[in-house]
PDB file of N, CA and C in Angstrom:
ATOM      1  N   MET A   1       0.895  -1.176   0.028  1.00  0.00           N
ATOM      2  CA  MET A   1       0.053   0.031  -0.033  1.00  0.00           C
ATOM      3  C   MET A   1       0.970   1.252   0.039  1.00  0.00           C
ATOM      4  N   PRO A   2       0.582   2.207  -0.853  1.00  0.00           N
ATOM      5  CA  PRO A   2       1.450   3.424  -0.917  1.00  0.00           C
ATOM      6  C   PRO A   2       1.268   4.162   0.355  1.00  0.00           C
ATOM      7  N   GLU A   3       2.439   4.816   0.758  1.00  0.00           N
ATOM      8  CA  GLU A   3       2.398   5.706   1.925  1.00  0.00           C
ATOM      9  C   GLU A   3       1.715   6.991   1.686  1.00  0.00           C
ATOM     10  N   SER A   4       0.784   7.346   2.583  1.00  0.00           N
ATOM     11  CA  SER A   4      -0.030   8.548   2.384  1.00  0.00           C
ATOM     12  C   SER A   4       0.946   9.783   2.719  1.00  0.00           C
ATOM     13  N   PRO A   5       0.666  10.832   2.030  1.00  0.00           N
ATOM     14  CA  PRO A   5       1.517  12.071   2.297  1.00  0.00           C
ATOM     15  C   PRO A   5       1.338  12.621   3.588  1.00  0.00           C
ATOM     16  N   PRO A   6       2.322  13.358   4.157  1.00  0.00           N
ATOM     17  CA  PRO A   6       2.136  13.973   5.433  1.00  0.00           C
ATOM     18  C   PRO A   6       0.988  14.954   5.502  1.00  0.00           C
ATOM     19  N   LYS A   7       0.320  14.925   6.665  1.00  0.00           N
ATOM     20  CA  LYS A   7      -0.785  15.859   6.792  1.00  0.00           C
ATOM     21  C   LYS A   7      -0.359  17.132   7.552  1.00  0.00           C
ATOM     22  N   TYR A   8      -0.077  18.119   6.691  1.00  0.00           N
ATOM     23  CA  TYR A   8       0.406  19.398   7.308  1.00  0.00           C
ATOM     24  C   TYR A   8      -0.843  20.248   7.829  1.00  0.00           C
ATOM     25  N   ASP A   9      -0.513  20.993   8.773  1.00  0.00           N
ATOM     26  CA  ASP A   9      -1.586  21.745   9.516  1.00  0.00           C
ATOM     27  C   ASP A   9      -1.321  23.188   9.278  1.00  0.00           C
ATOM     28  N   ASN A  10      -2.346  24.042   9.201  1.00  0.00           N
ATOM     29  CA  ASN A  10      -2.135  25.492   9.050  1.00  0.00           C
ATOM     30  C   ASN A  10      -1.704  26.103  10.326  1.00  0.00           C
ATOM     31  N   ASN A  11      -1.772  25.416  11.401  1.00  0.00           N
ATOM     32  CA  ASN A  11      -1.440  25.900  12.767  1.00  0.00           C
ATOM     33  C   ASN A  11      -0.165  25.207  13.315  1.00  0.00           C
ATOM     34  N   SER A  12       0.868  25.310  12.510  1.00  0.00           N
ATOM     35  CA  SER A  12       2.135  24.749  13.033  1.00  0.00           C
ATOM     36  C   SER A  12       2.770  25.564  14.159  1.00  0.00           C
ATOM     37  N   LYS A  13       3.549  24.864  14.931  1.00  0.00           N
ATOM     38  CA  LYS A  13       4.126  25.453  16.141  1.00  0.00           C
ATOM     39  C   LYS A  13       5.703  25.281  16.087  1.00  0.00           C
ATOM     40  N   THR A  14       6.367  26.037  16.827  1.00  0.00           N
ATOM     41  CA  THR A  14       7.831  25.947  16.939  1.00  0.00           C
ATOM     42  C   THR A  14       8.118  25.269  18.269  1.00  0.00           C
ATOM     43  N   ILE A  15       8.914  24.206  18.240  1.00  0.00           N
ATOM     44  CA  ILE A  15       9.266  23.438  19.355  1.00  0.00           C
ATOM     45  C   ILE A  15      10.760  23.586  19.684  1.00  0.00           C
ATOM     46  N   PRO A  16      11.063  24.153  20.901  1.00  0.00           N
ATOM     47  CA  PRO A  16      12.428  24.392  21.172  1.00  0.00           C
ATOM     48  C   PRO A  16      13.053  23.085  21.866  1.00  0.00           C
ATOM     49  N   PHE A  17      14.391  22.840  21.648  1.00  0.00           N
ATOM     50  CA  PHE A  17      15.141  21.758  22.275  1.00  0.00           C
ATOM     51  C   PHE A  17      16.458  22.412  22.722  1.00  0.00           C
ATOM     52  N   ASP A  18      16.877  21.981  23.871  1.00  0.00           N
ATOM     53  CA  ASP A  18      18.232  22.335  24.382  1.00  0.00           C
ATOM     54  C   ASP A  18      19.295  21.413  23.771  1.00  0.00           C
ATOM     55  N   ALA A  19      20.296  22.005  23.113  1.00  0.00           N
ATOM     56  CA  ALA A  19      21.374  21.303  22.384  1.00  0.00           C
ATOM     57  C   ALA A  19      22.024  20.279  23.308  1.00  0.00           C
ATOM     58  N   ASP A  20      22.242  20.660  24.566  1.00  0.00           N
ATOM     59  CA  ASP A  20      23.009  19.737  25.429  1.00  0.00           C
ATOM     60  C   ASP A  20      22.251  18.456  25.729  1.00  0.00           C
ATOM     61  N   ALA A  21      20.902  18.474  25.697  1.00  0.00           N
ATOM     62  CA  ALA A  21      20.106  17.267  25.944  1.00  0.00           C
ATOM     63  C   ALA A  21      19.394  16.699  24.820  1.00  0.00           C
ATOM     64  N   PHE A  22      19.584  17.281  23.577  1.00  0.00           N
ATOM     65  CA  PHE A  22      18.894  16.847  22.412  1.00  0.00           C
ATOM     66  C   PHE A  22      19.635  15.621  21.790  1.00  0.00           C
ATOM     67  N   GLN A  23      18.888  14.542  21.672  1.00  0.00           N
ATOM     68  CA  GLN A  23      19.504  13.327  21.029  1.00  0.00           C
ATOM     69  C   GLN A  23      18.835  13.141  19.645  1.00  0.00           C
ATOM     70  N   PHE A  24      19.747  12.838  18.600  1.00  0.00           N
ATOM     71  CA  PHE A  24      19.320  12.741  17.309  1.00  0.00           C
ATOM     72  C   PHE A  24      20.112  11.795  16.525  1.00  0.00           C
ATOM     73  N   GLU A  25      19.757  11.420  15.411  1.00  0.00           N
ATOM     74  CA  GLU A  25      20.536  10.526  14.437  1.00  0.00           C
ATOM     75  C   GLU A  25      20.700  11.379  13.110  1.00  0.00           C
ATOM     76  N   THR A  26      21.867  11.469  12.651  1.00  0.00           N
ATOM     77  CA  THR A  26      22.117  12.184  11.313  1.00  0.00           C
ATOM     78  C   THR A  26      21.691  11.407  10.181  1.00  0.00           C
ATOM     79  N   ILE A  27      20.938  11.925   9.269  1.00  0.00           N
ATOM     80  CA  ILE A  27      20.493  11.310   8.082  1.00  0.00           C
ATOM     81  C   ILE A  27      21.334  11.722   6.926  1.00  0.00           C
ATOM     82  N   GLU A  28      21.457  13.078   6.877  1.00  0.00           N
ATOM     83  CA  GLU A  28      22.285  13.817   5.854  1.00  0.00           C
ATOM     84  C   GLU A  28      23.169  14.773   6.571  1.00  0.00           C
ATOM     85  N   GLN A  29      24.243  15.034   5.943  1.00  0.00           N
ATOM     86  CA  GLN A  29      25.194  16.056   6.565  1.00  0.00           C
ATOM     87  C   GLN A  29      25.943  16.794   5.434  1.00  0.00           C
ATOM     88  N   ALA A  30      26.422  17.999   5.802  1.00  0.00           N
ATOM     89  CA  ALA A  30      27.240  18.800   4.855  1.00  0.00           C
ATOM     90  C   ALA A  30      28.299  19.538   5.722  1.00  0.00           C
ATOM     91  N   ASN A  31      29.534  19.439   5.321  1.00  0.00           N
ATOM     92  CA  ASN A  31      30.612  20.111   5.911  1.00  0.00           C
ATOM     93  C   ASN A  31      30.758  19.776   7.422  1.00  0.00           C
ATOM     94  N   GLY A  32      30.419  18.576   7.735  1.00  0.00           N
ATOM     95  CA  GLY A  32      30.456  18.009   9.139  1.00  0.00           C
ATOM     96  C   GLY A  32      29.300  18.370   9.999  1.00  0.00           C
ATOM     97  N   ASN A  33      28.240  19.063   9.489  1.00  0.00           N
ATOM     98  CA  ASN A  33      27.096  19.372  10.308  1.00  0.00           C
ATOM     99  C   ASN A  33      25.862  18.635   9.697  1.00  0.00           C
ATOM    100  N   ALA A  34      25.043  18.259  10.746  1.00  0.00           N
ATOM    101  CA  ALA A  34      23.800  17.430  10.346  1.00  0.00           C
ATOM    102  C   ALA A  34      22.815  18.431   9.598  1.00  0.00           C
ATOM    103  N   THR A  35      22.380  18.012   8.492  1.00  0.00           N
ATOM    104  CA  THR A  35      21.423  18.866   7.785  1.00  0.00           C
ATOM    105  C   THR A  35      20.050  18.207   7.670  1.00  0.00           C
ATOM    106  N   GLN A  36      19.957  16.902   7.937  1.00  0.00           N
ATOM    107  CA  GLN A  36      18.670  16.170   8.048  1.00  0.00           C
ATOM    108  C   GLN A  36      18.869  15.239   9.181  1.00  0.00           C
ATOM    109  N   ILE A  37      17.949  15.240  10.167  1.00  0.00           N
ATOM    110  CA  ILE A  37      18.023  14.430  11.340  1.00  0.00           C
ATOM    111  C   ILE A  37      16.722  13.613  11.631  1.00  0.00           C
ATOM    112  N   ARG A  38      16.956  12.602  12.421  1.00  0.00           N
ATOM    113  CA  ARG A  38      15.824  11.855  12.957  1.00  0.00           C
ATOM    114  C   ARG A  38      15.927  11.900  14.498  1.00  0.00           C
ATOM    115  N   PHE A  39      14.774  12.113  15.097  1.00  0.00           N
ATOM    116  CA  PHE A  39      14.774  12.241  16.579  1.00  0.00           C
ATOM    117  C   PHE A  39      13.358  11.727  17.204  1.00  0.00           C
ATOM    118  N   GLN A  40      13.460  11.382  18.514  1.00  0.00           N
ATOM    119  CA  GLN A  40      12.229  11.055  19.092  1.00  0.00           C
ATOM    120  C   GLN A  40      11.369  12.289  19.398  1.00  0.00           C
ATOM    121  N   THR A  41      10.068  12.259  19.104  1.00  0.00           N
ATOM    122  CA  THR A  41       9.295  13.462  19.345  1.00  0.00           C
ATOM    123  C   THR A  41       8.974  13.719  20.757  1.00  0.00           C
ATOM    124  N   GLY A  42       8.589  12.635  21.518  1.00  0.00           N
ATOM    125  CA  GLY A  42       8.378  12.789  22.835  1.00  0.00           C
ATOM    126  C   GLY A  42       7.069  13.435  23.292  1.00  0.00           C
ATOM    127  N   ALA A  43       6.328  13.897  22.299  1.00  0.00           N
ATOM    128  CA  ALA A  43       4.956  14.436  22.626  1.00  0.00           C
ATOM    129  C   ALA A  43       4.002  14.036  21.470  1.00  0.00           C
ATOM    130  N   PRO A  44       2.855  13.603  21.914  1.00  0.00           N
ATOM    131  CA  PRO A  44       1.860  13.251  20.809  1.00  0.00           C
ATOM    132  C   PRO A  44       1.307  14.378  19.939  1.00  0.00           C
ATOM    133  N   ASP A  45       1.485  15.582  20.468  1.00  0.00           N
ATOM    134  CA  ASP A  45       0.875  16.730  19.717  1.00  0.00           C
ATOM    135  C   ASP A  45       1.818  17.360  18.653  1.00  0.00           C
ATOM    136  N   ILE A  46       3.071  16.794  18.595  1.00  0.00           N
ATOM    137  CA  ILE A  46       3.979  17.217  17.540  1.00  0.00           C
ATOM    138  C   ILE A  46       3.623  16.487  16.266  1.00  0.00           C
ATOM    139  N   LYS A  47       3.641  17.361  15.193  1.00  0.00           N
ATOM    140  CA  LYS A  47       3.275  16.835  13.855  1.00  0.00           C
ATOM    141  C   LYS A  47       3.989  17.318  12.757  1.00  0.00           C
ATOM    142  N   ALA A  48       3.901  16.685  11.560  1.00  0.00           N
ATOM    143  CA  ALA A  48       4.611  17.210  10.376  1.00  0.00           C
ATOM    144  C   ALA A  48       4.175  18.688  10.050  1.00  0.00           C
ATOM    145  N   GLY A  49       5.048  19.533   9.665  1.00  0.00           N
ATOM    146  CA  GLY A  49       4.764  20.914   9.535  1.00  0.00           C
ATOM    147  C   GLY A  49       5.223  21.780  10.747  1.00  0.00           C
ATOM    148  N   ASP A  50       5.395  21.188  11.848  1.00  0.00           N
ATOM    149  CA  ASP A  50       5.945  21.955  12.989  1.00  0.00           C
ATOM    150  C   ASP A  50       7.436  22.164  12.742  1.00  0.00           C
ATOM    151  N   VAL A  51       7.930  23.234  13.399  1.00  0.00           N
ATOM    152  CA  VAL A  51       9.338  23.625  13.312  1.00  0.00           C
ATOM    153  C   VAL A  51       9.957  23.312  14.574  1.00  0.00           C
ATOM    154  N   ILE A  52      11.287  22.762  14.521  1.00  0.00           N
ATOM    155  CA  ILE A  52      12.052  22.569  15.622  1.00  0.00           C
ATOM    156  C   ILE A  52      13.223  23.559  15.718  1.00  0.00           C
ATOM    157  N   VAL A  53      13.580  24.073  16.829  1.00  0.00           N
ATOM    158  CA  VAL A  53      14.725  24.864  16.997  1.00  0.00           C
ATOM    159  C   VAL A  53      15.655  24.342  18.120  1.00  0.00           C
ATOM    160  N   VAL A  54      16.893  24.028  17.804  1.00  0.00           N
ATOM    161  CA  VAL A  54      17.760  23.359  18.778  1.00  0.00           C
ATOM    162  C   VAL A  54      18.716  24.653  19.117  1.00  0.00           C
ATOM    163  N   LEU A  55      18.627  24.909  20.457  1.00  0.00           N
ATOM    164  CA  LEU A  55      19.380  26.081  20.965  1.00  0.00           C
ATOM    165  C   LEU A  55      20.483  25.672  21.930  1.00  0.00           C
ATOM    166  N   SER A  56      21.531  26.443  21.902  1.00  0.00           N
ATOM    167  CA  SER A  56      22.590  26.353  22.934  1.00  0.00           C
ATOM    168  C   SER A  56      22.752  27.720  23.387  1.00  0.00           C
ATOM    169  N   GLY A  57      22.097  28.054  24.549  1.00  0.00           N
ATOM    170  CA  GLY A  57      22.080  29.337  25.152  1.00  0.00           C
ATOM    171  C   GLY A  57      21.208  30.162  24.054  1.00  0.00           C
ATOM    172  N   THR A  58      21.758  31.230  23.546  1.00  0.00           N
ATOM    173  CA  THR A  58      21.070  32.015  22.603  1.00  0.00           C
ATOM    174  C   THR A  58      21.430  31.726  21.114  1.00  0.00           C
ATOM    175  N   ASP A  59      22.341  30.751  20.914  1.00  0.00           N
ATOM    176  CA  ASP A  59      22.719  30.301  19.597  1.00  0.00           C
ATOM    177  C   ASP A  59      21.762  29.249  19.021  1.00  0.00           C
ATOM    178  N   ILE A  60      21.412  29.424  17.778  1.00  0.00           N
ATOM    179  CA  ILE A  60      20.594  28.484  17.069  1.00  0.00           C
ATOM    180  C   ILE A  60      21.442  27.416  16.403  1.00  0.00           C
ATOM    181  N   TYR A  61      21.434  26.174  16.788  1.00  0.00           N
ATOM    182  CA  TYR A  61      22.275  25.071  16.239  1.00  0.00           C
ATOM    183  C   TYR A  61      21.451  24.440  15.056  1.00  0.00           C
ATOM    184  N   PHE A  62      20.212  24.374  15.097  1.00  0.00           N
ATOM    185  CA  PHE A  62      19.442  23.740  14.073  1.00  0.00           C
ATOM    186  C   PHE A  62      18.041  24.352  14.149  1.00  0.00           C
ATOM    187  N   HIS A  63      17.568  24.637  12.880  1.00  0.00           N
ATOM    188  CA  HIS A  63      16.199  25.255  12.750  1.00  0.00           C
ATOM    189  C   HIS A  63      15.621  24.554  11.536  1.00  0.00           C
ATOM    190  N   GLY A  64      14.595  23.760  11.686  1.00  0.00           N
ATOM    191  CA  GLY A  64      13.996  23.064  10.479  1.00  0.00           C
ATOM    192  C   GLY A  64      12.607  22.576  10.698  1.00  0.00           C
ATOM    193  N   MET A  65      11.968  22.372   9.632  1.00  0.00           N
ATOM    194  CA  MET A  65      10.600  21.826   9.612  1.00  0.00           C
ATOM    195  C   MET A  65      10.558  20.273   9.594  1.00  0.00           C
ATOM    196  N   ILE A  66       9.630  19.806  10.395  1.00  0.00           N
ATOM    197  CA  ILE A  66       9.458  18.347  10.527  1.00  0.00           C
ATOM    198  C   ILE A  66       8.711  18.032   9.218  1.00  0.00           C
ATOM    199  N   SER A  67       9.257  16.982   8.430  1.00  0.00           N
ATOM    200  CA  SER A  67       8.697  16.556   7.187  1.00  0.00           C
ATOM    201  C   SER A  67       7.874  15.387   7.402  1.00  0.00           C
ATOM    202  N   SER A  68       8.119  14.508   8.385  1.00  0.00           N
ATOM    203  CA  SER A  68       7.371  13.312   8.556  1.00  0.00           C
ATOM    204  C   SER A  68       7.558  12.771  10.003  1.00  0.00           C
ATOM    205  N   ILE A  69       6.686  12.006  10.491  1.00  0.00           N
ATOM    206  CA  ILE A  69       6.767  11.262  11.807  1.00  0.00           C
ATOM    207  C   ILE A  69       6.167   9.905  11.575  1.00  0.00           C
ATOM    208  N   GLU A  70       7.031   8.960  12.015  1.00  0.00           N
ATOM    209  CA  GLU A  70       6.608   7.486  11.910  1.00  0.00           C
ATOM    210  C   GLU A  70       7.109   6.853  13.154  1.00  0.00           C
ATOM    211  N   ASP A  71       6.175   6.252  13.908  1.00  0.00           N
ATOM    212  CA  ASP A  71       6.531   5.398  15.047  1.00  0.00           C
ATOM    213  C   ASP A  71       7.264   6.248  16.123  1.00  0.00           C
ATOM    214  N   GLY A  72       6.716   7.479  16.248  1.00  0.00           N
ATOM    215  CA  GLY A  72       7.311   8.455  17.209  1.00  0.00           C
ATOM    216  C   GLY A  72       8.617   9.042  16.867  1.00  0.00           C
ATOM    217  N   MET A  73       9.183   8.725  15.728  1.00  0.00           N
ATOM    218  CA  MET A  73      10.406   9.247  15.221  1.00  0.00           C
ATOM    219  C   MET A  73      10.087  10.344  14.160  1.00  0.00           C
ATOM    220  N   ALA A  74      10.575  11.556  14.354  1.00  0.00           N
ATOM    221  CA  ALA A  74      10.395  12.615  13.410  1.00  0.00           C
ATOM    222  C   ALA A  74      11.660  12.881  12.535  1.00  0.00           C
ATOM    223  N   ILE A  75      11.478  13.345  11.340  1.00  0.00           N
ATOM    224  CA  ILE A  75      12.608  13.798  10.461  1.00  0.00           C
ATOM    225  C   ILE A  75      12.430  15.217  10.198  1.00  0.00           C
ATOM    226  N   ALA A  76      13.556  15.978  10.385  1.00  0.00           N
ATOM    227  CA  ALA A  76      13.537  17.514  10.101  1.00  0.00           C
ATOM    228  C   ALA A  76      14.781  17.744   9.339  1.00  0.00           C
ATOM    229  N   SER A  77      14.709  18.896   8.556  1.00  0.00           N
ATOM    230  CA  SER A  77      15.847  19.293   7.791  1.00  0.00           C
ATOM    231  C   SER A  77      16.123  20.776   8.011  1.00  0.00           C
ATOM    232  N   ASP A  78      17.466  21.074   8.029  1.00  0.00           N
ATOM    233  CA  ASP A  78      18.072  22.368   8.055  1.00  0.00           C
ATOM    234  C   ASP A  78      19.143  22.441   7.028  1.00  0.00           C
ATOM    235  N   PRO A  79      18.846  22.572   5.828  1.00  0.00           N
ATOM    236  CA  PRO A  79      19.821  22.439   4.732  1.00  0.00           C
ATOM    237  C   PRO A  79      20.877  23.615   4.703  1.00  0.00           C
ATOM    238  N   ARG A  80      20.655  24.649   5.338  1.00  0.00           N
ATOM    239  CA  ARG A  80      21.522  25.809   5.089  1.00  0.00           C
ATOM    240  C   ARG A  80      22.299  26.290   6.470  1.00  0.00           C
ATOM    241  N   GLY A  81      21.678  26.163   7.523  1.00  0.00           N
ATOM    242  CA  GLY A  81      22.324  26.887   8.702  1.00  0.00           C
ATOM    243  C   GLY A  81      22.630  25.991   9.914  1.00  0.00           C
ATOM    244  N   SER A  82      22.552  24.613   9.748  1.00  0.00           N
ATOM    245  CA  SER A  82      22.820  23.739  10.756  1.00  0.00           C
ATOM    246  C   SER A  82      24.217  23.913  11.343  1.00  0.00           C
ATOM    247  N   LEU A  83      24.314  23.901  12.760  1.00  0.00           N
ATOM    248  CA  LEU A  83      25.446  23.764  13.443  1.00  0.00           C
ATOM    249  C   LEU A  83      25.609  22.507  14.242  1.00  0.00           C
ATOM    250  N   LEU A  84      24.682  21.635  14.176  1.00  0.00           N
ATOM    251  CA  LEU A  84      24.740  20.474  14.962  1.00  0.00           C
ATOM    252  C   LEU A  84      25.732  19.501  14.319  1.00  0.00           C
ATOM    253  N   PRO A  85      26.650  18.919  15.080  1.00  0.00           N
ATOM    254  CA  PRO A  85      27.684  18.040  14.545  1.00  0.00           C
ATOM    255  C   PRO A  85      27.021  16.681  13.901  1.00  0.00           C
ATOM    256  N   ALA A  86      27.588  16.347  12.832  1.00  0.00           N
ATOM    257  CA  ALA A  86      27.000  15.152  12.071  1.00  0.00           C
ATOM    258  C   ALA A  86      27.488  13.874  12.779  1.00  0.00           C
ATOM    259  N   THR A  87      26.859  13.481  13.855  1.00  0.00           N
ATOM    260  CA  THR A  87      27.203  12.378  14.604  1.00  0.00           C
ATOM    261  C   THR A  87      25.933  11.564  15.087  1.00  0.00           C
ATOM    262  N   VAL A  88      26.125  10.299  15.397  1.00  0.00           N
ATOM    263  CA  VAL A  88      24.925   9.523  15.955  1.00  0.00           C
ATOM    264  C   VAL A  88      25.117   9.688  17.458  1.00  0.00           C
ATOM    265  N   GLN A  89      24.080  10.157  18.147  1.00  0.00           N
ATOM    266  CA  GLN A  89      24.192  10.340  19.568  1.00  0.00           C
ATOM    267  C   GLN A  89      23.288   9.294  20.275  1.00  0.00           C
TER     268      GLN A  89
END
């Protein structure tokens, strides 16, 4: 059966994460920084179309839109400004 497209919502929200506690898996990287990541959502109200911001103090390490969620794991992309190291944590 073909996978249904993500259901984006007109009421997306921004979800902040602390870089020191944020756990993710790098899917794609550029110049040593993660540009596409997979991470545990941790909340049932997070959905495709929401935006995540990973902060270290006032510095933005990652800012991207969630493109899909499957089995509690979300995928988000920040193709231009990511400062997250491309590692598996």
